[in-house]
C-alpha atoms as a PDB file:
ATOM      1  CA  MET A   1     -85.918-196.259 128.703  1.00  0.00           C
ATOM      2  CA  ARG A   2     -82.272-197.212 128.820  1.00  0.00           C
ATOM      3  CA  ALA A   3     -79.583-194.883 127.489  1.00  0.00           C
ATOM      4  CA  GLU A   4     -78.490-197.404 124.883  1.00  0.00           C
ATOM      5  CA  ASP A   5     -82.080-197.615 123.598  1.00  0.00           C
ATOM      6  CA  CYS A   6     -82.290-193.911 122.725  1.00  0.00           C
ATOM      7  CA  GLY A   7     -78.672-193.140 121.880  1.00  0.00           C
ATOM      8  CA  ALA A   8     -78.149-190.950 124.973  1.00  0.00           C
ATOM      9  CA  HIS A   9     -74.631-190.653 126.370  1.00  0.00           C
ATOM     10  CA  VAL A  10     -74.194-191.395 130.080  1.00  0.00           C
ATOM     11  CA  ASP A  11     -70.912-190.774 131.931  1.00  0.00           C
ATOM     12  CA  ILE A  12     -70.129-192.740 135.104  1.00  0.00           C
ATOM     13  CA  LEU A  13     -67.266-191.588 137.319  1.00  0.00           C
ATOM     14  CA  PRO A  14     -66.446-193.379 140.595  1.00  0.00           C
ATOM     15  CA  CYS A  15     -64.996-190.908 143.110  1.00  0.00           C
ATOM     16  CA  PRO A  16     -62.244-192.415 145.293  1.00  0.00           C
ATOM     17  CA  GLY A  17     -63.661-192.974 148.788  1.00  0.00           C
ATOM     18  CA  GLY A  18     -66.995-191.467 147.780  1.00  0.00           C
ATOM     19  CA  PRO A  19     -70.005-191.785 145.507  1.00  0.00           C
ATOM     20  CA  VAL A  20     -70.363-192.595 141.845  1.00  0.00           C
ATOM     21  CA  LEU A  21     -71.153-189.500 139.783  1.00  0.00           C
ATOM     22  CA  VAL A  22     -73.600-190.158 136.947  1.00  0.00           C
ATOM     23  CA  ARG A  23     -74.074-187.563 134.207  1.00  0.00           C
ATOM     24  CA  GLY A  24     -76.774-187.717 131.549  1.00  0.00           C
ATOM     25  CA  ALA A  25     -79.025-190.427 133.009  1.00  0.00           C
ATOM     26  CA  GLN A  26     -82.801-190.072 133.078  1.00  0.00           C
ATOM     27  CA  GLU A  27     -83.229-192.720 135.768  1.00  0.00           C
ATOM     28  CA  ILE A  28     -81.157-194.908 138.050  1.00  0.00           C
ATOM     29  CA  VAL A  29     -82.251-198.492 138.752  1.00  0.00           C
ATOM     30  CA  ASP A  30     -81.098-199.824 142.132  1.00  0.00           C
ATOM     31  CA  ALA A  31     -80.078-203.392 143.042  1.00  0.00           C
ATOM     32  CA  HIS A  32     -83.698-204.207 143.932  1.00  0.00           C
ATOM     33  CA  GLY A  33     -84.939-203.169 140.485  1.00  0.00           C
ATOM     34  CA  THR A  34     -86.552-199.929 141.683  1.00  0.00           C
ATOM     35  CA  ALA A  35     -86.251-197.069 139.190  1.00  0.00           C
ATOM     36  CA  HIS A  36     -85.396-193.628 140.608  1.00  0.00           C
ATOM     37  CA  ALA A  37     -86.036-190.597 138.398  1.00  0.00           C
ATOM     38  CA  VAL A  38     -83.094-188.255 137.865  1.00  0.00           C
ATOM     39  CA  SER A  39     -83.993-184.566 137.844  1.00  0.00           C
ATOM     40  CA  ARG A  40     -80.481-183.065 137.611  1.00  0.00           C
ATOM     41  CA  PRO A  41     -77.752-183.213 134.972  1.00  0.00           C
ATOM     42  CA  VAL A  42     -75.342-184.931 137.426  1.00  0.00           C
ATOM     43  CA  VAL A  43     -76.258-187.069 140.444  1.00  0.00           C
ATOM     44  CA  ALA A  44     -74.141-188.712 143.149  1.00  0.00           C
ATOM     45  CA  VAL A  45     -75.055-192.341 143.799  1.00  0.00           C
ATOM     46  CA  CYS A  46     -74.113-193.799 147.198  1.00  0.00           C
ATOM     47  CA  ARG A  47     -71.531-196.597 147.277  1.00  0.00           C
ATOM     48  CA  CYS A  48     -71.136-196.999 151.050  1.00  0.00           C
ATOM     49  CA  GLY A  49     -74.772-197.980 151.692  1.00  0.00           C
ATOM     50  CA  ASN A  50     -75.082-195.692 154.727  1.00  0.00           C
ATOM     51  CA  SER A  51     -76.844-192.725 153.119  1.00  0.00           C
ATOM     52  CA  GLY A  52     -80.164-191.659 154.585  1.00  0.00           C
ATOM     53  CA  ARG A  53     -81.308-190.826 151.031  1.00  0.00           C
ATOM     54  CA  LEU A  54     -80.473-194.038 149.145  1.00  0.00           C
ATOM     55  CA  PRO A  55     -79.702-194.409 146.330  1.00  0.00           C
ATOM     56  CA  TRP A  56     -78.375-190.831 146.490  1.00  0.00           C
ATOM     57  CA  CYS A  57     -75.209-189.894 148.398  1.00  0.00           C
ATOM     58  CA  ASP A  58     -75.713-187.606 151.394  1.00  0.00           C
ATOM     59  CA  GLY A  59     -72.055-187.403 152.452  1.00  0.00           C
ATOM     60  CA  THR A  60     -72.352-189.979 155.262  1.00  0.00           C
ATOM     61  CA  HIS A  61     -69.170-191.697 154.027  1.00  0.00           C
ATOM     62  CA  LYS A  62     -67.179-188.682 155.277  1.00  0.00           C
ATOM     63  CA  VAL A  63     -68.229-189.146 158.919  1.00  0.00           C
END
């Protein structure tokens, strides 16, 4: 279910040089259409594409 379908509020905050923080989502759908369940109030989504845990950020961008 999409946030706009149930009236949920989702915040999206791009961190400079880092991931995108997503607050309030129940799932994240990646570019391939795969849905990833969200089990925490805030998750960090990788923007660099080098994470070993895609779509989640693992801090690889700092290396």
